[in-house]
């Protein structure tokens, strides 16, 4: 699972596919509300705001 900015979306998808040999689901963190989990504010790979959850 990765919380990433739009700039790192392609890299995160590639890494996910390499690791799990399956296509990930991409969830827009700007429009999705979670009841039991608070997403991080920053991208896992830089200091930009996290916008996409790759699972």
PDB file of N, CA and C in Angstrom:
ATOM      1  N   UNK A   1       0.853  -1.168   0.000  1.00  0.00           N
ATOM      2  CA  UNK A   1       0.000   0.000   0.000  1.00  0.00           C
ATOM      3  C   UNK A   1       0.901   1.234   0.000  1.00  0.00           C
ATOM      4  N   UNK A   2       0.583   2.168  -0.875  1.00  0.00           N
ATOM      5  CA  UNK A   2       1.341   3.409  -0.963  1.00  0.00           C
ATOM      6  C   UNK A   2       0.377   4.585  -0.965  1.00  0.00           C
ATOM      7  N   UNK A   3       0.727   5.629  -0.260  1.00  0.00           N
ATOM      8  CA  UNK A   3       0.015   6.905  -0.321  1.00  0.00           C
ATOM      9  C   UNK A   3       0.964   7.850  -1.032  1.00  0.00           C
ATOM     10  N   UNK A   4       0.574   8.285  -2.215  1.00  0.00           N
ATOM     11  CA  UNK A   4       1.516   9.011  -3.057  1.00  0.00           C
ATOM     12  C   UNK A   4       0.871  10.249  -3.679  1.00  0.00           C
ATOM     13  N   UNK A   5       1.740  11.131  -4.179  1.00  0.00           N
ATOM     14  CA  UNK A   5       1.286  12.296  -4.933  1.00  0.00           C
ATOM     15  C   UNK A   5       1.100  11.873  -6.397  1.00  0.00           C
ATOM     16  N   UNK A   6       0.510  12.735  -7.189  1.00  0.00           N
ATOM     17  CA  UNK A   6       0.280  12.412  -8.603  1.00  0.00           C
ATOM     18  C   UNK A   6       1.595  12.214  -9.362  1.00  0.00           C
ATOM     19  N   UNK A   7       2.618  12.916  -8.946  1.00  0.00           N
ATOM     20  CA  UNK A   7       3.918  12.813  -9.604  1.00  0.00           C
ATOM     21  C   UNK A   7       4.495  11.397  -9.511  1.00  0.00           C
ATOM     22  N   UNK A   8       4.220  10.701  -8.419  1.00  0.00           N
ATOM     23  CA  UNK A   8       4.776   9.364  -8.211  1.00  0.00           C
ATOM     24  C   UNK A   8       3.789   8.241  -8.523  1.00  0.00           C
ATOM     25  N   UNK A   9       2.655   8.546  -9.126  1.00  0.00           N
ATOM     26  CA  UNK A   9       1.631   7.531  -9.405  1.00  0.00           C
ATOM     27  C   UNK A   9       2.157   6.407 -10.291  1.00  0.00           C
ATOM     28  N   UNK A  10       2.798   6.750 -11.386  1.00  0.00           N
ATOM     29  CA  UNK A  10       3.288   5.716 -12.311  1.00  0.00           C
ATOM     30  C   UNK A  10       4.336   4.834 -11.632  1.00  0.00           C
ATOM     31  N   UNK A  11       5.233   5.431 -10.884  1.00  0.00           N
ATOM     32  CA  UNK A  11       6.264   4.679 -10.166  1.00  0.00           C
ATOM     33  C   UNK A  11       5.632   3.730  -9.140  1.00  0.00           C
ATOM     34  N   UNK A  12       4.629   4.199  -8.408  1.00  0.00           N
ATOM     35  CA  UNK A  12       3.971   3.369  -7.401  1.00  0.00           C
ATOM     36  C   UNK A  12       3.236   2.196  -8.044  1.00  0.00           C
ATOM     37  N   UNK A  13       2.566   2.438  -9.161  1.00  0.00           N
ATOM     38  CA  UNK A  13       1.865   1.352  -9.859  1.00  0.00           C
ATOM     39  C   UNK A  13       2.874   0.318 -10.348  1.00  0.00           C
ATOM     40  N   UNK A  14       3.967   0.766 -10.955  1.00  0.00           N
ATOM     41  CA  UNK A  14       5.003  -0.159 -11.426  1.00  0.00           C
ATOM     42  C   UNK A  14       5.571  -0.986 -10.281  1.00  0.00           C
ATOM     43  N   UNK A  15       5.862  -0.349  -9.160  1.00  0.00           N
ATOM     44  CA  UNK A  15       6.422  -1.051  -8.008  1.00  0.00           C
ATOM     45  C   UNK A  15       5.415  -2.064  -7.455  1.00  0.00           C
ATOM     46  N   UNK A  16       4.146  -1.687  -7.392  1.00  0.00           N
ATOM     47  CA  UNK A  16       3.097  -2.579  -6.908  1.00  0.00           C
ATOM     48  C   UNK A  16       2.991  -3.810  -7.802  1.00  0.00           C
ATOM     49  N   UNK A  17       2.972  -3.606  -9.107  1.00  0.00           N
ATOM     50  CA  UNK A  17       2.868  -4.719 -10.057  1.00  0.00           C
ATOM     51  C   UNK A  17       4.084  -5.635  -9.948  1.00  0.00           C
ATOM     52  N   UNK A  18       5.264  -5.063  -9.815  1.00  0.00           N
ATOM     53  CA  UNK A  18       6.479  -5.871  -9.654  1.00  0.00           C
ATOM     54  C   UNK A  18       6.416  -6.725  -8.386  1.00  0.00           C
ATOM     55  N   UNK A  19       5.896  -6.141  -7.319  1.00  0.00           N
ATOM     56  CA  UNK A  19       5.866  -6.830  -6.037  1.00  0.00           C
ATOM     57  C   UNK A  19       4.759  -7.869  -5.936  1.00  0.00           C
ATOM     58  N   UNK A  20       3.557  -7.528  -6.403  1.00  0.00           N
ATOM     59  CA  UNK A  20       2.393  -8.396  -6.210  1.00  0.00           C
ATOM     60  C   UNK A  20       1.926  -9.103  -7.482  1.00  0.00           C
ATOM     61  N   UNK A  21       2.499  -8.765  -8.627  1.00  0.00           N
ATOM     62  CA  UNK A  21       2.144  -9.353  -9.922  1.00  0.00           C
ATOM     63  C   UNK A  21       0.649  -9.251 -10.200  1.00  0.00           C
ATOM     64  N   UNK A  22       0.071  -8.134  -9.825  1.00  0.00           N
ATOM     65  CA  UNK A  22      -1.342  -7.856 -10.038  1.00  0.00           C
ATOM     66  C   UNK A  22      -1.518  -6.349 -10.139  1.00  0.00           C
ATOM     67  N   UNK A  23      -2.560  -5.921 -10.818  1.00  0.00           N
ATOM     68  CA  UNK A  23      -2.831  -4.491 -10.952  1.00  0.00           C
ATOM     69  C   UNK A  23      -3.425  -3.946  -9.655  1.00  0.00           C
ATOM     70  N   UNK A  24      -2.990  -2.769  -9.212  1.00  0.00           N
ATOM     71  CA  UNK A  24      -3.528  -2.198  -7.973  1.00  0.00           C
ATOM     72  C   UNK A  24      -4.836  -1.452  -8.212  1.00  0.00           C
ATOM     73  N   UNK A  25      -5.513  -1.173  -7.125  1.00  0.00           N
ATOM     74  CA  UNK A  25      -6.641  -0.244  -7.133  1.00  0.00           C
ATOM     75  C   UNK A  25      -6.082   1.120  -6.757  1.00  0.00           C
ATOM     76  N   UNK A  26      -6.571   2.157  -7.418  1.00  0.00           N
ATOM     77  CA  UNK A  26      -6.160   3.527  -7.122  1.00  0.00           C
ATOM     78  C   UNK A  26      -7.352   4.265  -6.523  1.00  0.00           C
ATOM     79  N   UNK A  27      -7.155   4.820  -5.340  1.00  0.00           N
ATOM     80  CA  UNK A  27      -8.234   5.515  -4.641  1.00  0.00           C
ATOM     81  C   UNK A  27      -7.834   6.972  -4.445  1.00  0.00           C
ATOM     82  N   UNK A  28      -8.716   7.873  -4.859  1.00  0.00           N
ATOM     83  CA  UNK A  28      -8.483   9.302  -4.718  1.00  0.00           C
ATOM     84  C   UNK A  28      -8.683   9.687  -3.253  1.00  0.00           C
ATOM     85  N   UNK A  29      -7.611  10.112  -2.608  1.00  0.00           N
ATOM     86  CA  UNK A  29      -7.688  10.482  -1.191  1.00  0.00           C
ATOM     87  C   UNK A  29      -8.407  11.809  -0.965  1.00  0.00           C
ATOM     88  N   UNK A  30      -8.591  12.584  -2.022  1.00  0.00           N
ATOM     89  CA  UNK A  30      -9.274  13.876  -1.884  1.00  0.00           C
ATOM     90  C   UNK A  30     -10.790  13.706  -1.790  1.00  0.00           C
ATOM     91  N   UNK A  31     -11.316  12.599  -2.320  1.00  0.00           N
ATOM     92  CA  UNK A  31     -12.770  12.409  -2.357  1.00  0.00           C
ATOM     93  C   UNK A  31     -13.256  11.226  -1.536  1.00  0.00           C
ATOM     94  N   UNK A  32     -12.352  10.484  -0.905  1.00  0.00           N
ATOM     95  CA  UNK A  32     -12.723   9.291  -0.147  1.00  0.00           C
ATOM     96  C   UNK A  32     -12.530   9.546   1.342  1.00  0.00           C
ATOM     97  N   UNK A  33     -13.505   9.119   2.130  1.00  0.00           N
ATOM     98  CA  UNK A  33     -13.438   9.269   3.584  1.00  0.00           C
ATOM     99  C   UNK A  33     -13.361   7.874   4.192  1.00  0.00           C
ATOM    100  N   UNK A  34     -12.425   7.681   5.115  1.00  0.00           N
ATOM    101  CA  UNK A  34     -12.263   6.417   5.804  1.00  0.00           C
ATOM    102  C   UNK A  34     -12.728   6.577   7.243  1.00  0.00           C
ATOM    103  N   UNK A  35     -13.407   5.567   7.773  1.00  0.00           N
ATOM    104  CA  UNK A  35     -13.917   5.674   9.140  1.00  0.00           C
ATOM    105  C   UNK A  35     -12.893   5.229  10.181  1.00  0.00           C
ATOM    106  N   UNK A  36     -12.017   4.296   9.841  1.00  0.00           N
ATOM    107  CA  UNK A  36     -11.104   3.750  10.839  1.00  0.00           C
ATOM    108  C   UNK A  36      -9.633   3.986  10.501  1.00  0.00           C
ATOM    109  N   UNK A  37      -9.362   4.864   9.539  1.00  0.00           N
ATOM    110  CA  UNK A  37      -7.979   5.097   9.134  1.00  0.00           C
ATOM    111  C   UNK A  37      -7.836   6.527   8.630  1.00  0.00           C
ATOM    112  N   UNK A  38      -6.799   7.172   9.061  1.00  0.00           N
ATOM    113  CA  UNK A  38      -6.497   8.539   8.614  1.00  0.00           C
ATOM    114  C   UNK A  38      -5.281   8.472   7.693  1.00  0.00           C
ATOM    115  N   UNK A  39      -5.446   8.798   6.410  1.00  0.00           N
ATOM    116  CA  UNK A  39      -4.299   8.725   5.499  1.00  0.00           C
ATOM    117  C   UNK A  39      -3.239   9.764   5.845  1.00  0.00           C
ATOM    118  N   UNK A  40      -1.984   9.471   5.532  1.00  0.00           N
ATOM    119  CA  UNK A  40      -0.928  10.443   5.790  1.00  0.00           C
ATOM    120  C   UNK A  40      -1.110  11.690   4.929  1.00  0.00           C
ATOM    121  N   UNK A  41      -0.587  12.784   5.390  1.00  0.00           N
ATOM    122  CA  UNK A  41      -0.721  14.036   4.654  1.00  0.00           C
ATOM    123  C   UNK A  41       0.286  14.144   3.520  1.00  0.00           C
ATOM    124  N   UNK A  42       1.433  13.473   3.642  1.00  0.00           N
ATOM    125  CA  UNK A  42       2.496  13.606   2.645  1.00  0.00           C
ATOM    126  C   UNK A  42       2.708  12.307   1.882  1.00  0.00           C
ATOM    127  N   UNK A  43       3.187  12.450   0.672  1.00  0.00           N
ATOM    128  CA  UNK A  43       3.546  11.333  -0.200  1.00  0.00           C
ATOM    129  C   UNK A  43       4.589  10.459   0.497  1.00  0.00           C
ATOM    130  N   UNK A  44       4.521   9.152   0.254  1.00  0.00           N
ATOM    131  CA  UNK A  44       5.497   8.230   0.836  1.00  0.00           C
ATOM    132  C   UNK A  44       6.908   8.470   0.306  1.00  0.00           C
ATOM    133  N   UNK A  45       7.029   9.119  -0.853  1.00  0.00           N
ATOM    134  CA  UNK A  45       8.333   9.265  -1.499  1.00  0.00           C
ATOM    135  C   UNK A  45       8.827  10.699  -1.633  1.00  0.00           C
ATOM    136  N   UNK A  46       8.012  11.660  -1.228  1.00  0.00           N
ATOM    137  CA  UNK A  46       8.460  13.065  -1.259  1.00  0.00           C
ATOM    138  C   UNK A  46       7.621  13.863  -0.264  1.00  0.00           C
ATOM    139  N   UNK A  47       7.779  15.163  -0.257  1.00  0.00           N
ATOM    140  CA  UNK A  47       7.047  16.016   0.685  1.00  0.00           C
ATOM    141  C   UNK A  47       5.773  16.624   0.102  1.00  0.00           C
ATOM    142  N   UNK A  48       5.393  16.217  -1.105  1.00  0.00           N
ATOM    143  CA  UNK A  48       4.135  16.694  -1.698  1.00  0.00           C
ATOM    144  C   UNK A  48       2.940  16.070  -0.979  1.00  0.00           C
ATOM    145  N   UNK A  49       1.779  16.690  -1.060  1.00  0.00           N
ATOM    146  CA  UNK A  49       0.576  16.111  -0.426  1.00  0.00           C
ATOM    147  C   UNK A  49       0.226  14.764  -1.041  1.00  0.00           C
ATOM    148  N   UNK A  50      -0.156  13.812  -0.212  1.00  0.00           N
ATOM    149  CA  UNK A  50      -0.617  12.509  -0.693  1.00  0.00           C
ATOM    150  C   UNK A  50      -2.002  12.673  -1.297  1.00  0.00           C
ATOM    151  N   UNK A  51      -2.177  12.222  -2.535  1.00  0.00           N
ATOM    152  CA  UNK A  51      -3.440  12.375  -3.234  1.00  0.00           C
ATOM    153  C   UNK A  51      -4.046  11.039  -3.648  1.00  0.00           C
ATOM    154  N   UNK A  52      -3.225   9.982  -3.734  1.00  0.00           N
ATOM    155  CA  UNK A  52      -3.692   8.705  -4.256  1.00  0.00           C
ATOM    156  C   UNK A  52      -3.241   7.582  -3.326  1.00  0.00           C
ATOM    157  N   UNK A  53      -4.160   6.668  -3.054  1.00  0.00           N
ATOM    158  CA  UNK A  53      -3.861   5.452  -2.297  1.00  0.00           C
ATOM    159  C   UNK A  53      -3.756   4.319  -3.307  1.00  0.00           C
ATOM    160  N   UNK A  54      -2.635   3.632  -3.316  1.00  0.00           N
ATOM    161  CA  UNK A  54      -2.398   2.511  -4.221  1.00  0.00           C
ATOM    162  C   UNK A  54      -2.483   1.242  -3.377  1.00  0.00           C
ATOM    163  N   UNK A  55      -3.514   0.417  -3.645  1.00  0.00           N
ATOM    164  CA  UNK A  55      -3.675  -0.842  -2.894  1.00  0.00           C
ATOM    165  C   UNK A  55      -4.013  -1.985  -3.834  1.00  0.00           C
TER     166      UNK A  55
END
